[in-house]
Every structure is written in structure tokens, then in C-alpha cells.
């Protein structure tokens, strides 16, 4: 509803028109624990862009006639998310683990609750969380008098450079049951959980994921090219600020499932005796990919602001040194800690 009208721009068209006249584009997204506003403009129009963003935060109208319309929009979005969970079981289990409860159950509950939302509840939530002390601003580009501009337009009852407020995360859910079906061709997902984006062990997890997935001893080569057990294999690391998960996924036939399962477990458990050469090779690969990624990340204000919201470090600060410090002993200890028999196995058609 923040885009539906503000004090200076009484409807969504006048607000968007003001943004377009600056030659820029503006967008807002809400994820699990944060809302982000992204605005790209020319350097010469930076202060006008800051003013527009401050309008969203400090002067929204919350027009009564827009309230019911927005509830319908949110409901439609939730129904589409429910369809995604049904089609992607690995994503469902990942969310279940990270949040400590069944995401589908929560989604169904929210779908039922949306029609019951009152204007008072929405306004109370806005007043509680949408405050400068609860924000991080990420700015990319050379801007003169940056701090003064932000203080001028966002310093309301507290400093924009104030405290960091991070949600309290619930404990991960354990022992998610195996799901099966009767289809001949199916996908099989193995999920091992570990540290999140801002953990001190994050660098080790990156190296470990590379060892398992790539190279002569990787699962992709073993399953697809050496044994021909699956026509599609993927291995990747997925993590956020809370937890990380290493996923191995393969599309295989019913009769080959046990063989695929055995190879994956063999490769993962082999980390407990990994060699120095394997670790050094993986480190070089991780560093090379990171250098290529860094340019994109450092141009992305959203990545910068979200990183600083959950961590006191900016993206890549100290990261390369952390990767270089990883050695075989550290990887072996990491494997014993995180890569045990307590993995989540999902099969689906």
C-alpha cells in the first residue's frame, strides 16, 4: 500500500510518474524477514530519489478504498506460492528446515487469515517496523554529501545509521520424513544443512560444496558420466542469513535410485578423509568464481544493504582470506560436524 499514495503524491500514478520523470525505475519487494525498495537514477537526480523514498516511509496515505484491493492482490500471490511449493518439494523442505515449521501449513493459515486482516493491524505493524532505526540503506555510486542527504530526509526520531534489528530465528526442524511416489521416472534430492551466509564457517562450506560437485571425484561425473545412472544431475549450495543447505539432485529411473543414493553418500562421506590437493583445487575454483561474481555484487545496492542488515561486514570483506585459510583438516572436521547420516532425502515424480 506504500505505492498506492503518499502525502505529496496522492495516488500510485502520480508517484510512479514522478519516478519516471527522473529517468529511473523503482520497485519494492518483501521477502521472509525484510522489505526492500530499489531505485536506480542518474547521479544528478539522487536527492530527488531520496525524497521519493522518504515519502514511502514517512507519508503514506493508506487509502481506505485501496485496502480491500491490496488484500486480494496478496491473496492471489499466496495462492501462486502454494502452487510453487506443490511443484518443488525440495524448496518446501528447505523452507521447513530454515523456519522450523511446515511452510505449507503456515501458508494455508495465512491464506485463511488475509480476509480477516483489519486496517488497524496493518497500521500498527507499519508503525512498529518501518522506522529509520530499523533500516539499512545501500548506495552505489559517487554521491557528494551522501551522509548529510540521508540524515536530512531519513532522520526521524532516530538516526538512519543507528542500531541493527535482526529477527529472532527459530530452531531448525529435524527429521523430515521421506516422501515417495509410484512414478517410474523421478527426481531425488539429498539435503545436508550447514552454516548460513554470515557464519564464520561459510568459507569452508563453499569449498566443501565445490569438492563434492565438481572434478574427477565429484558426484556429477560419477553418477552421469561414469555410471550413466541419471540423465540430469546437479549439485549446488543454497543459503541465506540463517542456514545453508547443500543439495544434490538427480533425475533417474526407479530401479537406479538406490545406486544413485549410494554414490552420493559415498562422495559426501569421503570428505572425512579428503586430500590436500583436492582442497587446494576447490579453493582455486571458488576464488575464481568469486572474483567474477564480485563485480556484479558490488554494483547491487540491494545485496549491500541486505548484507549489512544481518552482518557488520560488507560483501566480500575478508572473504578471499577466509577461503585461502581453509585446509584439509578444517574440511574433514566440517564434514564430520555437518555431513552425517542425518540428511533429508526427498523423492518426487
Protein backbone atom coordinates (compact mmCIF):
# COMPACT_ATOMS: atom_id res chain seq x y z
CA UNK A 1 0.00 0.00 0.00
CA UNK A 2 3.02 2.28 0.25
CA UNK A 3 2.91 2.67 -3.53
CA UNK A 4 -0.81 3.50 -3.51
CA UNK A 5 -0.37 7.10 -2.45
CA UNK A 6 1.61 9.48 -0.24
CA UNK A 7 1.14 12.99 1.09
CA UNK A 8 2.83 14.64 -1.91
CA UNK A 9 1.74 12.01 -4.45
CA UNK A 10 -1.91 11.15 -3.69
CA UNK A 11 -2.16 8.12 -5.98
CA UNK A 12 0.07 5.40 -7.41
CA UNK A 13 0.15 7.01 -10.85
CA UNK A 14 1.44 10.35 -9.62
CA UNK A 15 4.15 8.64 -7.56
CA UNK A 16 5.34 6.41 -10.41
CA UNK A 17 5.16 9.36 -12.80
CA UNK A 18 7.47 11.35 -10.52
CA UNK A 19 9.95 8.47 -10.52
CA UNK A 20 9.81 8.07 -14.29
CA UNK A 21 10.42 11.78 -14.81
CA UNK A 22 13.78 11.26 -13.14
CA UNK A 23 14.56 8.72 -15.83
CA UNK A 24 14.86 5.97 -13.23
CA UNK A 25 12.95 2.93 -12.09
CA UNK A 26 11.68 2.00 -8.63
CA UNK A 27 10.49 -1.30 -7.23
CA UNK A 28 9.64 -2.82 -3.86
CA UNK A 29 9.77 -6.44 -2.71
CA UNK A 30 9.04 -8.19 0.57
CA UNK A 31 10.74 -11.46 1.46
CA UNK A 32 10.56 -13.57 4.60
CA UNK A 33 12.05 -11.06 7.03
CA UNK A 34 12.65 -7.83 5.18
CA UNK A 35 11.24 -5.31 2.71
CA UNK A 36 13.48 -3.77 0.06
CA UNK A 37 12.97 -0.67 -2.07
CA UNK A 38 15.24 -0.34 -5.09
CA UNK A 39 15.67 2.92 -7.01
CA UNK A 40 18.05 3.48 -9.93
CA UNK A 41 18.59 7.06 -11.10
CA UNK A 42 21.23 9.36 -12.51
CA UNK A 43 23.68 10.87 -10.07
CA UNK A 44 22.26 14.35 -10.70
CA UNK A 45 18.81 13.21 -9.51
CA UNK A 46 19.97 11.34 -6.42
CA UNK A 47 18.50 13.76 -3.88
CA UNK A 48 15.11 13.71 -5.62
CA UNK A 49 15.19 9.91 -5.47
CA UNK A 50 15.94 10.02 -1.74
CA UNK A 51 12.98 12.36 -1.25
CA UNK A 52 10.69 9.93 -3.09
CA UNK A 53 11.85 7.01 -0.96
CA UNK A 54 11.32 9.02 2.22
CA UNK A 55 7.75 9.69 1.07
CA UNK A 56 7.07 5.96 1.09
CA UNK A 57 8.36 5.61 4.63
CA UNK A 58 7.07 8.74 6.34
CA UNK A 59 4.00 9.92 4.44
CA UNK A 60 1.92 7.00 3.12
CA UNK A 61 -1.82 7.65 2.97
CA UNK A 62 -3.05 4.06 3.43
CA UNK A 63 -6.17 4.94 1.48
CA UNK A 64 -9.21 3.10 2.76
CA UNK A 65 -10.52 2.34 -0.72
CA UNK A 66 -7.23 0.62 -1.60
CA UNK A 67 -7.20 -1.69 1.40
CA UNK A 68 -9.56 -4.40 0.12
CA UNK A 69 -7.96 -4.31 -3.33
CA UNK A 70 -4.50 -4.96 -1.90
CA UNK A 71 -5.80 -7.85 0.20
CA UNK A 72 -7.00 -9.52 -2.99
CA UNK A 73 -3.61 -8.96 -4.64
CA UNK A 74 -1.75 -10.50 -1.68
CA UNK A 75 -4.15 -13.44 -1.61
CA UNK A 76 -3.50 -14.13 -5.30
CA UNK A 77 0.26 -14.06 -4.68
CA UNK A 78 -0.06 -16.53 -1.81
CA UNK A 79 -2.12 -18.92 -3.92
CA UNK A 80 0.62 -18.87 -6.57
CA UNK A 81 3.25 -19.60 -3.89
CA UNK A 82 1.21 -22.59 -2.78
CA UNK A 83 1.37 -23.94 -6.33
CA UNK A 84 5.16 -23.50 -6.33
CA UNK A 85 5.54 -25.47 -3.10
CA UNK A 86 3.48 -28.30 -4.55
CA UNK A 87 5.66 -28.45 -7.66
CA UNK A 88 9.04 -28.10 -5.91
CA UNK A 89 9.30 -30.41 -2.88
CA UNK A 90 12.97 -29.61 -2.26
CA UNK A 91 12.12 -25.92 -1.85
CA UNK A 92 9.33 -26.82 0.57
CA UNK A 93 11.62 -28.91 2.77
CA UNK A 94 14.33 -26.25 2.68
CA UNK A 95 11.90 -23.63 3.95
CA UNK A 96 10.59 -26.06 6.57
CA UNK A 97 14.10 -26.60 7.89
CA UNK A 98 15.11 -22.96 7.90
CA UNK A 99 11.96 -21.73 9.57
CA UNK A 100 11.41 -24.62 11.97
CA UNK A 101 7.82 -25.25 10.92
CA UNK A 102 5.82 -26.50 7.96
CA UNK A 103 5.71 -23.74 5.35
CA UNK A 104 2.67 -25.19 3.59
CA UNK A 105 0.72 -25.25 6.84
CA UNK A 106 1.70 -21.65 7.53
CA UNK A 107 0.77 -20.61 4.01
CA UNK A 108 -2.65 -22.23 4.26
CA UNK A 109 -3.19 -20.46 7.58
CA UNK A 110 -2.17 -17.11 6.08
CA UNK A 111 -4.50 -17.62 3.12
CA UNK A 112 -7.36 -18.04 5.57
CA UNK A 113 -6.25 -15.03 7.63
CA UNK A 114 -5.85 -12.49 4.82
CA UNK A 115 -9.61 -11.80 4.56
CA UNK A 116 -9.63 -11.18 8.34
CA UNK A 117 -6.88 -8.52 8.29
CA UNK A 118 -8.02 -5.18 9.63
CA UNK A 119 -6.67 -1.75 8.76
CA UNK A 120 -5.70 -1.30 12.40
CA UNK A 121 -3.44 -4.37 12.37
CA UNK A 122 -1.68 -3.22 9.21
CA UNK A 123 -1.13 0.30 10.51
CA UNK A 124 0.20 -0.98 13.84
CA UNK A 125 2.70 -3.21 12.01
CA UNK A 126 3.84 -0.29 9.87
CA UNK A 127 4.36 1.99 12.87
CA UNK A 128 6.36 -0.69 14.69
CA UNK A 129 8.81 -1.75 11.98
CA UNK A 130 9.05 0.94 9.28
CA UNK A 131 11.33 3.27 11.22
CA UNK A 132 14.78 4.67 10.33
CA UNK A 133 16.45 2.81 13.20
CA UNK A 134 15.25 -0.43 11.62
CA UNK A 135 16.62 0.29 8.14
CA UNK A 136 19.81 -0.12 6.17
CA UNK A 137 20.41 1.99 3.06
CA UNK A 138 22.76 0.74 0.38
CA UNK A 139 24.06 3.33 -2.08
CA UNK A 140 26.16 2.52 -5.13
CA UNK A 141 27.89 5.37 -6.96
CA UNK A 142 29.82 8.55 -6.28
CA UNK A 143 27.44 10.90 -4.45
CA UNK A 144 28.55 14.13 -2.80
CA UNK A 145 27.36 14.93 0.75
CA UNK A 146 25.81 11.47 0.99
CA UNK A 147 25.55 11.29 4.77
CA UNK A 148 24.06 14.77 5.02
CA UNK A 149 21.42 13.96 2.39
CA UNK A 150 20.36 10.76 4.13
CA UNK A 151 20.26 12.41 7.54
CA UNK A 152 18.16 15.26 6.13
CA UNK A 153 15.50 13.05 4.62
CA UNK A 154 15.52 9.97 6.87
CA UNK A 155 16.50 11.20 10.32
CA UNK A 156 13.13 10.96 12.04
CA UNK A 157 13.14 10.10 15.75
CA UNK A 158 16.46 8.31 15.44
CA UNK A 159 19.38 8.04 13.09
CA UNK A 160 19.39 6.16 9.84
CA UNK A 161 22.84 4.98 10.88
CA UNK A 162 21.50 3.57 14.15
CA UNK A 163 21.03 0.10 15.57
CA UNK A 164 20.58 -3.09 13.60
CA UNK A 165 17.45 -5.09 14.27
CA UNK A 166 17.63 -8.71 13.18
CA UNK A 167 14.71 -11.15 13.60
CA UNK A 168 14.94 -13.93 16.16
CA UNK A 169 15.17 -17.14 14.19
CA UNK A 170 13.51 -20.32 15.42
CA UNK A 171 15.39 -23.58 15.79
CA UNK A 172 15.60 -25.75 12.66
CA UNK A 173 13.10 -28.57 12.25
CA UNK A 174 14.63 -32.04 12.28
CA UNK A 175 13.66 -35.47 11.00
CA UNK A 176 11.60 -34.50 7.96
CA UNK A 177 10.11 -37.70 6.56
CA UNK A 178 11.00 -39.21 3.22
CA UNK A 179 8.40 -38.59 0.51
CA UNK A 180 7.84 -41.13 -2.24
CA UNK A 181 5.54 -41.83 -5.17
CA UNK A 182 4.86 -44.53 -7.74
CA UNK A 183 6.20 -42.87 -10.91
CA UNK A 184 8.88 -44.65 -12.95
CA UNK A 185 10.95 -41.51 -13.51
CA UNK A 186 11.56 -39.35 -10.52
CA UNK A 187 13.83 -36.73 -9.04
CA UNK A 188 15.87 -37.48 -5.96
CA UNK A 189 17.12 -34.73 -3.66
CA UNK A 190 19.69 -35.02 -0.88
CA UNK A 191 19.93 -32.12 1.53
CA UNK A 192 22.69 -31.55 4.10
CA UNK A 193 22.31 -28.47 6.25
CA UNK A 194 25.10 -26.21 7.45
CA UNK A 195 26.07 -22.61 8.25
CA UNK A 196 24.42 -19.58 6.67
CA UNK A 197 25.78 -16.68 4.66
CA UNK A 198 27.31 -14.80 7.56
CA UNK A 199 28.68 -17.68 9.60
CA UNK A 200 32.43 -17.94 10.21
CA UNK A 201 32.22 -21.39 8.60
CA UNK A 202 30.70 -20.10 5.38
CA UNK A 203 34.03 -20.23 3.51
CA UNK A 204 34.52 -23.88 4.45
CA UNK A 205 31.02 -24.72 3.21
CA UNK A 206 31.84 -23.10 -0.15
CA UNK A 207 34.96 -25.23 -0.55
CA UNK A 208 33.18 -28.40 0.56
CA UNK A 209 30.34 -27.84 -1.91
CA UNK A 210 32.85 -27.42 -4.73
CA UNK A 211 34.70 -30.65 -3.83
CA UNK A 212 31.50 -32.70 -3.85
CA UNK A 213 30.01 -31.27 -7.00
CA UNK A 214 32.92 -30.80 -9.42
CA UNK A 215 36.07 -32.50 -10.65
CA UNK A 216 37.28 -36.07 -11.02
CA UNK A 217 35.76 -37.17 -7.72
CA UNK A 218 32.53 -35.17 -7.94
CA UNK A 219 29.04 -36.62 -7.87
CA UNK A 220 28.10 -35.26 -11.31
CA UNK A 221 30.93 -37.16 -13.04
CA UNK A 222 30.34 -40.31 -11.01
CA UNK A 223 26.57 -40.53 -11.49
CA UNK A 224 26.08 -39.26 -15.01
CA UNK A 225 29.29 -39.86 -16.95
CA UNK A 226 30.95 -42.81 -15.20
CA UNK A 227 27.86 -44.89 -14.37
CA UNK A 228 25.16 -43.43 -16.64
CA UNK A 229 22.59 -43.69 -13.85
CA UNK A 230 20.88 -40.35 -14.44
CA UNK A 231 20.33 -38.09 -17.42
CA UNK A 232 20.43 -34.94 -15.30
CA UNK A 233 22.49 -34.30 -12.15
CA UNK A 234 23.06 -31.08 -10.27
CA UNK A 235 24.82 -30.16 -7.04
CA UNK A 236 24.67 -26.70 -5.53
CA UNK A 237 24.86 -24.65 -2.34
CA UNK A 238 21.77 -22.69 -1.28
CA UNK A 239 21.98 -20.44 1.76
CA UNK A 240 20.62 -17.32 3.37
CA UNK A 241 21.45 -15.39 6.53
CA UNK A 242 20.12 -18.20 8.73
CA UNK A 243 21.23 -21.57 7.40
CA UNK A 244 22.90 -23.14 4.41
CA UNK A 245 21.96 -26.30 2.56
CA UNK A 246 23.95 -28.39 0.11
CA UNK A 247 21.67 -30.08 -2.38
CA UNK A 248 22.39 -32.94 -4.77
CA UNK A 249 19.58 -33.56 -7.24
CA UNK A 250 19.32 -36.27 -9.91
CA UNK A 251 16.65 -37.37 -12.36
CA UNK A 252 16.81 -41.12 -12.59
CA UNK A 253 14.70 -44.24 -13.02
CA UNK A 254 13.05 -46.12 -10.21
CA UNK A 255 15.44 -49.06 -10.45
CA UNK A 256 18.52 -46.82 -10.27
CA UNK A 257 17.52 -44.81 -7.23
CA UNK A 258 19.36 -46.95 -4.70
CA UNK A 259 22.55 -46.87 -6.79
CA UNK A 260 22.38 -43.08 -7.08
CA UNK A 261 21.78 -42.79 -3.35
CA UNK A 262 24.81 -44.95 -2.59
CA UNK A 263 27.13 -42.88 -4.81
CA UNK A 264 26.01 -39.59 -3.28
CA UNK A 265 26.55 -40.85 0.25
CA UNK A 266 29.92 -42.31 -0.72
CA UNK A 267 31.14 -38.99 -2.13
CA UNK A 268 29.86 -36.97 0.80
CA UNK A 269 31.29 -39.24 3.47
CA UNK A 270 34.64 -39.32 1.62
CA UNK A 271 35.12 -35.72 2.75
CA UNK A 272 36.15 -37.09 6.12
CA UNK A 273 39.45 -38.16 4.53
CA UNK A 274 39.82 -35.51 1.83
CA UNK A 275 43.32 -34.82 0.49
CA UNK A 276 45.27 -31.57 0.49
CA UNK A 277 45.31 -31.47 -3.32
CA UNK A 278 41.52 -31.78 -3.57
CA UNK A 279 41.04 -28.90 -1.15
CA UNK A 280 43.55 -26.65 -2.91
CA UNK A 281 41.95 -27.31 -6.30
CA UNK A 282 38.49 -26.50 -4.93
CA UNK A 283 39.75 -23.29 -3.30
CA UNK A 284 41.14 -22.04 -6.62
CA UNK A 285 37.80 -22.70 -8.28
CA UNK A 286 35.82 -20.92 -5.55
CA UNK A 287 38.15 -17.90 -5.64
CA UNK A 288 37.95 -17.64 -9.42
CA UNK A 289 34.15 -17.71 -9.41
CA UNK A 290 34.02 -15.18 -6.57
CA UNK A 291 36.21 -12.69 -8.42
CA UNK A 292 33.85 -12.89 -11.40
CA UNK A 293 30.79 -12.51 -9.16
CA UNK A 294 32.22 -9.65 -7.13
CA UNK A 295 31.77 -7.01 -9.81
CA UNK A 296 28.05 -7.74 -10.05
CA UNK A 297 27.57 -7.81 -6.27
CA UNK A 298 29.34 -4.55 -5.65
CA UNK A 299 27.04 -2.82 -8.13
CA UNK A 300 23.92 -4.16 -6.45
CA UNK A 301 22.70 -1.83 -3.70
CA UNK A 302 20.18 -4.37 -2.53
CA UNK A 303 22.83 -7.02 -1.88
CA UNK A 304 24.93 -4.48 0.01
CA UNK A 305 22.09 -3.27 2.22
CA UNK A 306 20.77 -6.78 2.97
CA UNK A 307 24.27 -7.99 3.82
CA UNK A 308 24.83 -5.12 6.23
CA UNK A 309 21.42 -5.72 7.81
CA UNK A 310 22.45 -9.16 9.03
CA UNK A 311 26.22 -8.74 9.23
CA UNK A 312 28.59 -5.95 10.14
CA UNK A 313 30.70 -6.82 7.11
CA UNK A 314 30.18 -5.56 3.58
CA UNK A 315 30.04 -8.19 0.79
CA UNK A 316 33.39 -9.93 0.21
CA UNK A 317 35.09 -8.12 3.10
CA UNK A 318 37.72 -10.60 4.27
CA UNK A 319 36.08 -13.33 2.18
CA UNK A 320 39.08 -14.19 0.00
CA UNK A 321 41.35 -14.51 3.04
CA UNK A 322 38.80 -16.81 4.67
CA UNK A 323 38.80 -19.07 1.60
CA UNK A 324 42.61 -19.18 1.50
CA UNK A 325 42.76 -20.23 5.16
CA UNK A 326 40.67 -23.35 4.55
CA UNK A 327 42.80 -26.51 4.66
CA UNK A 328 42.17 -30.26 4.52
CA UNK A 329 41.97 -30.63 8.30
CA UNK A 330 39.29 -27.93 8.53
CA UNK A 331 37.28 -29.61 5.74
CA UNK A 332 37.49 -33.01 7.43
CA UNK A 333 36.28 -31.56 10.72
CA UNK A 334 33.48 -29.73 8.92
CA UNK A 335 32.36 -32.94 7.18
CA UNK A 336 32.19 -34.81 10.47
CA UNK A 337 30.16 -31.99 12.00
CA UNK A 338 27.58 -31.44 9.25
CA UNK A 339 27.66 -34.30 6.74
CA UNK A 340 26.35 -37.27 8.66
CA UNK A 341 23.57 -39.82 8.19
CA UNK A 342 21.04 -37.23 9.34
CA UNK A 343 20.30 -35.88 5.87
CA UNK A 344 16.92 -35.12 4.32
CA UNK A 345 16.02 -37.32 1.36
CA UNK A 346 13.13 -36.38 -0.90
CA UNK A 347 11.88 -38.20 -3.98
CA UNK A 348 9.27 -36.86 -6.33
CA UNK A 349 7.92 -37.54 -9.79
